[in-house]
PDB file of N, CA and C in Angstrom:
ATOM      1  N   MET A   1       0.840  -1.173   0.000  1.00  0.00           N
ATOM      2  CA  MET A   1       0.000   0.000   0.000  1.00  0.00           C
ATOM      3  C   MET A   1       0.890   1.243   0.000  1.00  0.00           C
ATOM      4  N   VAL A   2       0.615   2.156  -0.899  1.00  0.00           N
ATOM      5  CA  VAL A   2       1.371   3.401  -0.990  1.00  0.00           C
ATOM      6  C   VAL A   2       0.650   4.458  -0.171  1.00  0.00           C
ATOM      7  N   ARG A   3       1.398   5.131   0.677  1.00  0.00           N
ATOM      8  CA  ARG A   3       0.817   6.156   1.535  1.00  0.00           C
ATOM      9  C   ARG A   3       0.863   7.509   0.836  1.00  0.00           C
ATOM     10  N   THR A   4      -0.217   8.248   0.908  1.00  0.00           N
ATOM     11  CA  THR A   4      -0.287   9.584   0.334  1.00  0.00           C
ATOM     12  C   THR A   4       0.673  10.500   1.085  1.00  0.00           C
ATOM     13  N   PRO A   5       1.456  11.300   0.377  1.00  0.00           N
ATOM     14  CA  PRO A   5       2.372  12.214   1.063  1.00  0.00           C
ATOM     15  C   PRO A   5       1.597  13.181   1.977  1.00  0.00           C
ATOM     16  N   LEU A   6       2.230  13.513   3.088  1.00  0.00           N
ATOM     17  CA  LEU A   6       1.595  14.432   4.036  1.00  0.00           C
ATOM     18  C   LEU A   6       1.660  15.858   3.524  1.00  0.00           C
ATOM     19  N   THR A   7       0.664  16.631   3.884  1.00  0.00           N
ATOM     20  CA  THR A   7       0.621  18.043   3.501  1.00  0.00           C
ATOM     21  C   THR A   7       1.501  18.849   4.452  1.00  0.00           C
ATOM     22  N   PRO A   8       1.863  20.066   4.065  1.00  0.00           N
ATOM     23  CA  PRO A   8       2.621  20.925   4.981  1.00  0.00           C
ATOM     24  C   PRO A   8       1.879  21.149   6.311  1.00  0.00           C
ATOM     25  N   GLU A   9       0.552  21.241   6.255  1.00  0.00           N
ATOM     26  CA  GLU A   9      -0.237  21.430   7.475  1.00  0.00           C
ATOM     27  C   GLU A   9      -0.108  20.231   8.401  1.00  0.00           C
ATOM     28  N   GLU A  10      -0.113  19.038   7.820  1.00  0.00           N
ATOM     29  CA  GLU A  10       0.035  17.823   8.626  1.00  0.00           C
ATOM     30  C   GLU A  10       1.421  17.773   9.273  1.00  0.00           C
ATOM     31  N   HIS A  11       2.425  18.203   8.541  1.00  0.00           N
ATOM     32  CA  HIS A  11       3.770  18.260   9.112  1.00  0.00           C
ATOM     33  C   HIS A  11       3.830  19.272  10.261  1.00  0.00           C
ATOM     34  N   ARG A  12       3.210  20.436  10.079  1.00  0.00           N
ATOM     35  CA  ARG A  12       3.196  21.455  11.148  1.00  0.00           C
ATOM     36  C   ARG A  12       2.461  20.939  12.373  1.00  0.00           C
ATOM     37  N   ARG A  13       1.335  20.265  12.170  1.00  0.00           N
ATOM     38  CA  ARG A  13       0.608  19.684  13.312  1.00  0.00           C
ATOM     39  C   ARG A  13       1.478  18.677  14.050  1.00  0.00           C
ATOM     40  N   GLY A  14       2.195  17.855  13.299  1.00  0.00           N
ATOM     41  CA  GLY A  14       3.082  16.881  13.918  1.00  0.00           C
ATOM     42  C   GLY A  14       4.195  17.526  14.716  1.00  0.00           C
ATOM     43  N   GLU A  15       4.766  18.593  14.178  1.00  0.00           N
ATOM     44  CA  GLU A  15       5.809  19.327  14.909  1.00  0.00           C
ATOM     45  C   GLU A  15       5.240  19.941  16.178  1.00  0.00           C
ATOM     46  N   GLN A  16       4.047  20.512  16.081  1.00  0.00           N
ATOM     47  CA  GLN A  16       3.413  21.123  17.250  1.00  0.00           C
ATOM     48  C   GLN A  16       3.095  20.069  18.309  1.00  0.00           C
ATOM     49  N   LEU A  17       2.626  18.916  17.877  1.00  0.00           N
ATOM     50  CA  LEU A  17       2.352  17.830  18.811  1.00  0.00           C
ATOM     51  C   LEU A  17       3.631  17.434  19.534  1.00  0.00           C
ATOM     52  N   GLY A  18       4.708  17.271  18.796  1.00  0.00           N
ATOM     53  CA  GLY A  18       5.986  16.912  19.408  1.00  0.00           C
ATOM     54  C   GLY A  18       6.445  17.935  20.427  1.00  0.00           C
ATOM     55  N   GLN A  19       6.316  19.211  20.100  1.00  0.00           N
ATOM     56  CA  GLN A  19       6.711  20.276  21.028  1.00  0.00           C
ATOM     57  C   GLN A  19       5.849  20.255  22.284  1.00  0.00           C
ATOM     58  N   LEU A  20       4.561  20.065  22.107  1.00  0.00           N
ATOM     59  CA  LEU A  20       3.651  19.995  23.252  1.00  0.00           C
ATOM     60  C   LEU A  20       4.014  18.824  24.165  1.00  0.00           C
ATOM     61  N   LEU A  21       4.286  17.679  23.580  1.00  0.00           N
ATOM     62  CA  LEU A  21       4.639  16.513  24.382  1.00  0.00           C
ATOM     63  C   LEU A  21       5.956  16.718  25.119  1.00  0.00           C
ATOM     64  N   ARG A  22       6.938  17.326  24.461  1.00  0.00           N
ATOM     65  CA  ARG A  22       8.216  17.593  25.131  1.00  0.00           C
ATOM     66  C   ARG A  22       8.032  18.532  26.313  1.00  0.00           C
ATOM     67  N   ARG A  23       7.238  19.595  26.114  1.00  0.00           N
ATOM     68  CA  ARG A  23       6.982  20.543  27.222  1.00  0.00           C
ATOM     69  C   ARG A  23       6.266  19.839  28.366  1.00  0.00           C
ATOM     70  N   ALA A  24       5.271  19.033  28.050  1.00  0.00           N
ATOM     71  CA  ALA A  24       4.494  18.342  29.079  1.00  0.00           C
ATOM     72  C   ALA A  24       5.346  17.308  29.809  1.00  0.00           C
ATOM     73  N   ARG A  25       6.284  16.714  29.111  1.00  0.00           N
ATOM     74  CA  ARG A  25       7.162  15.713  29.733  1.00  0.00           C
ATOM     75  C   ARG A  25       8.072  16.351  30.765  1.00  0.00           C
ATOM     76  N   GLY A  26       8.459  17.607  30.526  1.00  0.00           N
ATOM     77  CA  GLY A  26       9.292  18.339  31.476  1.00  0.00           C
ATOM     78  C   GLY A  26      10.587  17.611  31.778  1.00  0.00           C
ATOM     79  N   SER A  27      10.847  17.393  33.067  1.00  0.00           N
ATOM     80  CA  SER A  27      12.109  16.770  33.475  1.00  0.00           C
ATOM     81  C   SER A  27      12.024  15.244  33.501  1.00  0.00           C
ATOM     82  N   ARG A  28      10.843  14.704  33.239  1.00  0.00           N
ATOM     83  CA  ARG A  28      10.721  13.241  33.220  1.00  0.00           C
ATOM     84  C   ARG A  28      11.461  12.676  32.013  1.00  0.00           C
ATOM     85  N   SER A  29      12.008  11.511  32.180  1.00  0.00           N
ATOM     86  CA  SER A  29      12.756  10.909  31.075  1.00  0.00           C
ATOM     87  C   SER A  29      11.791  10.385  30.007  1.00  0.00           C
ATOM     88  N   MET A  30      12.313  10.287  28.809  1.00  0.00           N
ATOM     89  CA  MET A  30      11.542   9.752  27.700  1.00  0.00           C
ATOM     90  C   MET A  30      11.141   8.303  27.998  1.00  0.00           C
ATOM     91  N   VAL A  31      12.047   7.542  28.591  1.00  0.00           N
ATOM     92  CA  VAL A  31      11.790   6.141  28.918  1.00  0.00           C
ATOM     93  C   VAL A  31      10.643   6.038  29.924  1.00  0.00           C
ATOM     94  N   GLU A  32      10.647   6.904  30.942  1.00  0.00           N
ATOM     95  CA  GLU A  32       9.597   6.890  31.966  1.00  0.00           C
ATOM     96  C   GLU A  32       8.222   7.172  31.373  1.00  0.00           C
ATOM     97  N   VAL A  33       8.138   8.210  30.562  1.00  0.00           N
ATOM     98  CA  VAL A  33       6.852   8.592  29.972  1.00  0.00           C
ATOM     99  C   VAL A  33       6.389   7.546  28.969  1.00  0.00           C
ATOM    100  N   ALA A  34       7.308   7.056  28.152  1.00  0.00           N
ATOM    101  CA  ALA A  34       6.941   6.029  27.164  1.00  0.00           C
ATOM    102  C   ALA A  34       6.405   4.786  27.867  1.00  0.00           C
ATOM    103  N   ALA A  35       7.073   4.367  28.929  1.00  0.00           N
ATOM    104  CA  ALA A  35       6.623   3.182  29.668  1.00  0.00           C
ATOM    105  C   ALA A  35       5.238   3.406  30.265  1.00  0.00           C
ATOM    106  N   ALA A  36       4.998   4.596  30.810  1.00  0.00           N
ATOM    107  CA  ALA A  36       3.693   4.908  31.398  1.00  0.00           C
ATOM    108  C   ALA A  36       2.588   4.881  30.341  1.00  0.00           C
ATOM    109  N   ALA A  37       2.949   5.205  29.100  1.00  0.00           N
ATOM    110  CA  ALA A  37       1.973   5.217  28.004  1.00  0.00           C
ATOM    111  C   ALA A  37       1.906   3.869  27.284  1.00  0.00           C
ATOM    112  N   GLY A  38       2.769   2.936  27.647  1.00  0.00           N
ATOM    113  CA  GLY A  38       2.765   1.629  26.984  1.00  0.00           C
ATOM    114  C   GLY A  38       3.410   1.653  25.612  1.00  0.00           C
ATOM    115  N   LEU A  39       4.380   2.566  25.426  1.00  0.00           N
ATOM    116  CA  LEU A  39       5.067   2.721  24.146  1.00  0.00           C
ATOM    117  C   LEU A  39       6.557   2.495  24.333  1.00  0.00           C
ATOM    118  N   SER A  40       7.255   2.360  23.243  1.00  0.00           N
ATOM    119  CA  SER A  40       8.714   2.320  23.326  1.00  0.00           C
ATOM    120  C   SER A  40       9.239   3.751  23.372  1.00  0.00           C
ATOM    121  N   ALA A  41      10.408   3.906  23.964  1.00  0.00           N
ATOM    122  CA  ALA A  41      11.033   5.227  23.996  1.00  0.00           C
ATOM    123  C   ALA A  41      11.316   5.715  22.579  1.00  0.00           C
ATOM    124  N   GLU A  42      11.641   4.794  21.672  1.00  0.00           N
ATOM    125  CA  GLU A  42      11.917   5.177  20.283  1.00  0.00           C
ATOM    126  C   GLU A  42      10.666   5.742  19.609  1.00  0.00           C
ATOM    127  N   THR A  43       9.509   5.173  19.889  1.00  0.00           N
ATOM    128  CA  THR A  43       8.266   5.704  19.326  1.00  0.00           C
ATOM    129  C   THR A  43       8.024   7.122  19.838  1.00  0.00           C
ATOM    130  N   LEU A  44       8.195   7.326  21.132  1.00  0.00           N
ATOM    131  CA  LEU A  44       8.018   8.669  21.690  1.00  0.00           C
ATOM    132  C   LEU A  44       9.030   9.630  21.086  1.00  0.00           C
ATOM    133  N   ARG A  45      10.260   9.201  20.935  1.00  0.00           N
ATOM    134  CA  ARG A  45      11.300  10.055  20.343  1.00  0.00           C
ATOM    135  C   ARG A  45      10.897  10.474  18.917  1.00  0.00           C
ATOM    136  N   LYS A  46      10.395   9.535  18.142  1.00  0.00           N
ATOM    137  CA  LYS A  46       9.990   9.845  16.764  1.00  0.00           C
ATOM    138  C   LYS A  46       8.824  10.824  16.736  1.00  0.00           C
ATOM    139  N   ILE A  47       7.894  10.679  17.653  1.00  0.00           N
ATOM    140  CA  ILE A  47       6.755  11.605  17.702  1.00  0.00           C
ATOM    141  C   ILE A  47       7.232  12.989  18.133  1.00  0.00           C
ATOM    142  N   GLU A  48       8.057  13.045  19.168  1.00  0.00           N
ATOM    143  CA  GLU A  48       8.542  14.334  19.670  1.00  0.00           C
ATOM    144  C   GLU A  48       9.378  15.081  18.647  1.00  0.00           C
ATOM    145  N   THR A  49      10.100  14.368  17.806  1.00  0.00           N
ATOM    146  CA  THR A  49      10.954  15.026  16.811  1.00  0.00           C
ATOM    147  C   THR A  49      10.249  15.268  15.484  1.00  0.00           C
ATOM    148  N   GLY A  50       8.992  14.837  15.379  1.00  0.00           N
ATOM    149  CA  GLY A  50       8.238  15.065  14.150  1.00  0.00           C
ATOM    150  C   GLY A  50       8.473  14.030  13.076  1.00  0.00           C
ATOM    151  N   ARG A  51       9.244  12.987  13.377  1.00  0.00           N
ATOM    152  CA  ARG A  51       9.474  11.927  12.380  1.00  0.00           C
ATOM    153  C   ARG A  51       8.226  11.090  12.182  1.00  0.00           C
ATOM    154  N   VAL A  52       7.319  11.118  13.156  1.00  0.00           N
ATOM    155  CA  VAL A  52       6.008  10.475  13.030  1.00  0.00           C
ATOM    156  C   VAL A  52       4.980  11.579  13.280  1.00  0.00           C
ATOM    157  N   PRO A  53       4.665  12.357  12.243  1.00  0.00           N
ATOM    158  CA  PRO A  53       3.784  13.511  12.436  1.00  0.00           C
ATOM    159  C   PRO A  53       2.305  13.163  12.596  1.00  0.00           C
ATOM    160  N   THR A  54       1.925  11.928  12.272  1.00  0.00           N
ATOM    161  CA  THR A  54       0.518  11.542  12.392  1.00  0.00           C
ATOM    162  C   THR A  54       0.400  10.223  13.159  1.00  0.00           C
ATOM    163  N   PRO A  55       0.729  10.248  14.459  1.00  0.00           N
ATOM    164  CA  PRO A  55       0.613   9.004  15.233  1.00  0.00           C
ATOM    165  C   PRO A  55      -0.842   8.568  15.366  1.00  0.00           C
ATOM    166  N   ALA A  56      -1.031   7.300  15.645  1.00  0.00           N
ATOM    167  CA  ALA A  56      -2.372   6.740  15.804  1.00  0.00           C
ATOM    168  C   ALA A  56      -3.095   7.399  16.981  1.00  0.00           C
ATOM    169  N   PHE A  57      -4.409   7.458  16.871  1.00  0.00           N
ATOM    170  CA  PHE A  57      -5.241   8.080  17.908  1.00  0.00           C
ATOM    171  C   PHE A  57      -4.949   7.501  19.286  1.00  0.00           C
ATOM    172  N   PHE A  58      -4.918   6.171  19.402  1.00  0.00           N
ATOM    173  CA  PHE A  58      -4.734   5.551  20.713  1.00  0.00           C
ATOM    174  C   PHE A  58      -3.329   5.788  21.258  1.00  0.00           C
ATOM    175  N   THR A  59      -2.359   6.011  20.400  1.00  0.00           N
ATOM    176  CA  THR A  59      -1.018   6.384  20.846  1.00  0.00           C
ATOM    177  C   THR A  59      -1.050   7.770  21.474  1.00  0.00           C
ATOM    178  N   VAL A  60      -1.708   8.699  20.803  1.00  0.00           N
ATOM    179  CA  VAL A  60      -1.829  10.059  21.338  1.00  0.00           C
ATOM    180  C   VAL A  60      -2.627  10.040  22.641  1.00  0.00           C
ATOM    181  N   ALA A  61      -3.701   9.268  22.683  1.00  0.00           N
ATOM    182  CA  ALA A  61      -4.516   9.188  23.899  1.00  0.00           C
ATOM    183  C   ALA A  61      -3.705   8.628  25.067  1.00  0.00           C
ATOM    184  N   ALA A  62      -2.886   7.617  24.812  1.00  0.00           N
ATOM    185  CA  ALA A  62      -2.059   7.034  25.872  1.00  0.00           C
ATOM    186  C   ALA A  62      -1.033   8.049  26.373  1.00  0.00           C
ATOM    187  N   LEU A  63      -0.437   8.798  25.458  1.00  0.00           N
ATOM    188  CA  LEU A  63       0.522   9.823  25.864  1.00  0.00           C
ATOM    189  C   LEU A  63      -0.164  10.939  26.641  1.00  0.00           C
ATOM    190  N   ALA A  64      -1.335  11.333  26.195  1.00  0.00           N
ATOM    191  CA  ALA A  64      -2.086  12.377  26.906  1.00  0.00           C
ATOM    192  C   ALA A  64      -2.355  11.939  28.335  1.00  0.00           C
ATOM    193  N   SER A  65      -2.776  10.714  28.518  1.00  0.00           N
ATOM    194  CA  SER A  65      -3.057  10.196  29.855  1.00  0.00           C
ATOM    195  C   SER A  65      -1.797  10.168  30.708  1.00  0.00           C
ATOM    196  N   ALA A  66      -0.693   9.688  30.147  1.00  0.00           N
ATOM    197  CA  ALA A  66       0.565   9.599  30.887  1.00  0.00           C
ATOM    198  C   ALA A  66       1.107  10.971  31.266  1.00  0.00           C
ATOM    199  N   LEU A  67       0.796  11.980  30.460  1.00  0.00           N
ATOM    200  CA  LEU A  67       1.325  13.328  30.688  1.00  0.00           C
ATOM    201  C   LEU A  67       0.329  14.268  31.374  1.00  0.00           C
ATOM    202  N   GLY A  68      -0.873  13.784  31.633  1.00  0.00           N
ATOM    203  CA  GLY A  68      -1.870  14.637  32.274  1.00  0.00           C
ATOM    204  C   GLY A  68      -2.426  15.711  31.361  1.00  0.00           C
ATOM    205  N   LEU A  69      -2.445  15.431  30.064  1.00  0.00           N
ATOM    206  CA  LEU A  69      -3.012  16.360  29.092  1.00  0.00           C
ATOM    207  C   LEU A  69      -4.398  15.895  28.695  1.00  0.00           C
ATOM    208  N   SER A  70      -5.258  16.834  28.359  1.00  0.00           N
ATOM    209  CA  SER A  70      -6.556  16.444  27.812  1.00  0.00           C
ATOM    210  C   SER A  70      -6.434  16.382  26.286  1.00  0.00           C
ATOM    211  N   MET A  71      -7.265  15.588  25.694  1.00  0.00           N
ATOM    212  CA  MET A  71      -7.280  15.531  24.234  1.00  0.00           C
ATOM    213  C   MET A  71      -7.682  16.888  23.658  1.00  0.00           C
ATOM    214  N   ASP A  72      -8.536  17.620  24.376  1.00  0.00           N
ATOM    215  CA  ASP A  72      -8.914  18.968  23.925  1.00  0.00           C
ATOM    216  C   ASP A  72      -7.701  19.879  23.847  1.00  0.00           C
ATOM    217  N   GLU A  73      -6.811  19.814  24.849  1.00  0.00           N
ATOM    218  CA  GLU A  73      -5.591  20.625  24.829  1.00  0.00           C
ATOM    219  C   GLU A  73      -4.743  20.293  23.606  1.00  0.00           C
ATOM    220  N   ILE A  74      -4.620  19.019  23.329  1.00  0.00           N
ATOM    221  CA  ILE A  74      -3.810  18.582  22.197  1.00  0.00           C
ATOM    222  C   ILE A  74      -4.415  19.074  20.885  1.00  0.00           C
ATOM    223  N   VAL A  75      -5.713  18.927  20.751  1.00  0.00           N
ATOM    224  CA  VAL A  75      -6.379  19.376  19.519  1.00  0.00           C
ATOM    225  C   VAL A  75      -6.216  20.880  19.336  1.00  0.00           C
ATOM    226  N   ARG A  76      -6.451  21.649  20.390  1.00  0.00           N
ATOM    227  CA  ARG A  76      -6.305  23.114  20.281  1.00  0.00           C
ATOM    228  C   ARG A  76      -4.890  23.497  19.881  1.00  0.00           C
ATOM    229  N   SER A  77      -3.921  22.866  20.484  1.00  0.00           N
ATOM    230  CA  SER A  77      -2.526  23.173  20.184  1.00  0.00           C
ATOM    231  C   SER A  77      -2.188  22.850  18.737  1.00  0.00           C
ATOM    232  N   CYS A  78      -2.628  21.713  18.269  1.00  0.00           N
ATOM    233  CA  CYS A  78      -2.302  21.292  16.912  1.00  0.00           C
ATOM    234  C   CYS A  78      -3.127  22.014  15.860  1.00  0.00           C
ATOM    235  N   GLU A  79      -4.348  22.412  16.192  1.00  0.00           N
ATOM    236  CA  GLU A  79      -5.159  23.193  15.248  1.00  0.00           C
ATOM    237  C   GLU A  79      -4.525  24.534  14.985  1.00  0.00           C
ATOM    238  N   SER A  80      -4.001  25.166  16.043  1.00  0.00           N
ATOM    239  CA  SER A  80      -3.392  26.486  15.865  1.00  0.00           C
ATOM    240  C   SER A  80      -2.149  26.378  14.991  1.00  0.00           C
ATOM    241  N   ALA A  81      -1.432  25.265  15.065  1.00  0.00           N
ATOM    242  CA  ALA A  81      -0.259  25.069  14.213  1.00  0.00           C
ATOM    243  C   ALA A  81      -0.669  24.901  12.752  1.00  0.00           C
ATOM    244  N   ALA A  82      -1.743  24.177  12.523  1.00  0.00           N
ATOM    245  CA  ALA A  82      -2.207  23.952  11.151  1.00  0.00           C
ATOM    246  C   ALA A  82      -2.712  25.238  10.521  1.00  0.00           C
ATOM    247  N   ALA A  83      -3.263  26.123  11.331  1.00  0.00           N
ATOM    248  CA  ALA A  83      -3.805  27.372  10.817  1.00  0.00           C
ATOM    249  C   ALA A  83      -2.718  28.406  10.530  1.00  0.00           C
ATOM    250  N   ALA A  84      -1.541  28.238  11.159  1.00  0.00           N
ATOM    251  CA  ALA A  84      -0.465  29.195  10.983  1.00  0.00           C
ATOM    252  C   ALA A  84       0.132  29.071   9.584  1.00  0.00           C
ATOM    253  N   PRO A  85       0.514  30.196   9.000  1.00  0.00           N
ATOM    254  CA  PRO A  85       1.148  30.132   7.675  1.00  0.00           C
ATOM    255  C   PRO A  85       2.511  29.476   7.770  1.00  0.00           C
ATOM    256  N   ALA A  86       2.917  28.837   6.705  1.00  0.00           N
ATOM    257  CA  ALA A  86       4.227  28.171   6.661  1.00  0.00           C
ATOM    258  C   ALA A  86       5.334  29.199   6.747  1.00  0.00           C
ATOM    259  N   ALA A  87       6.424  28.838   7.411  1.00  0.00           N
ATOM    260  CA  ALA A  87       7.583  29.722   7.505  1.00  0.00           C
ATOM    261  C   ALA A  87       8.264  29.783   6.147  1.00  0.00           C
ATOM    262  N   ALA A  88       8.728  30.977   5.817  1.00  0.00           N
ATOM    263  CA  ALA A  88       9.374  31.161   4.502  1.00  0.00           C
ATOM    264  C   ALA A  88      10.812  30.769   4.517  1.00  0.00           C
TER     265      ALA A  88
END
């Protein structure tokens, strides 16, 4: 199956999601948060760095729970990134 290339907006949302997760993680280690969410540290690293800009819903939900974020917070944060114009 060939995957459709992501749009610039999808990439921006992914970057914003990664930034939000890094801020929410604070001083906790990537390994600690990933384990609490039932993920590998490598998966969390890829999401935080934007290498996985469109993680699965249940992955995001697990991270939100582990980090004490609401899904509404995540949506608001990522919507504002998608609405922002691309950097030149």
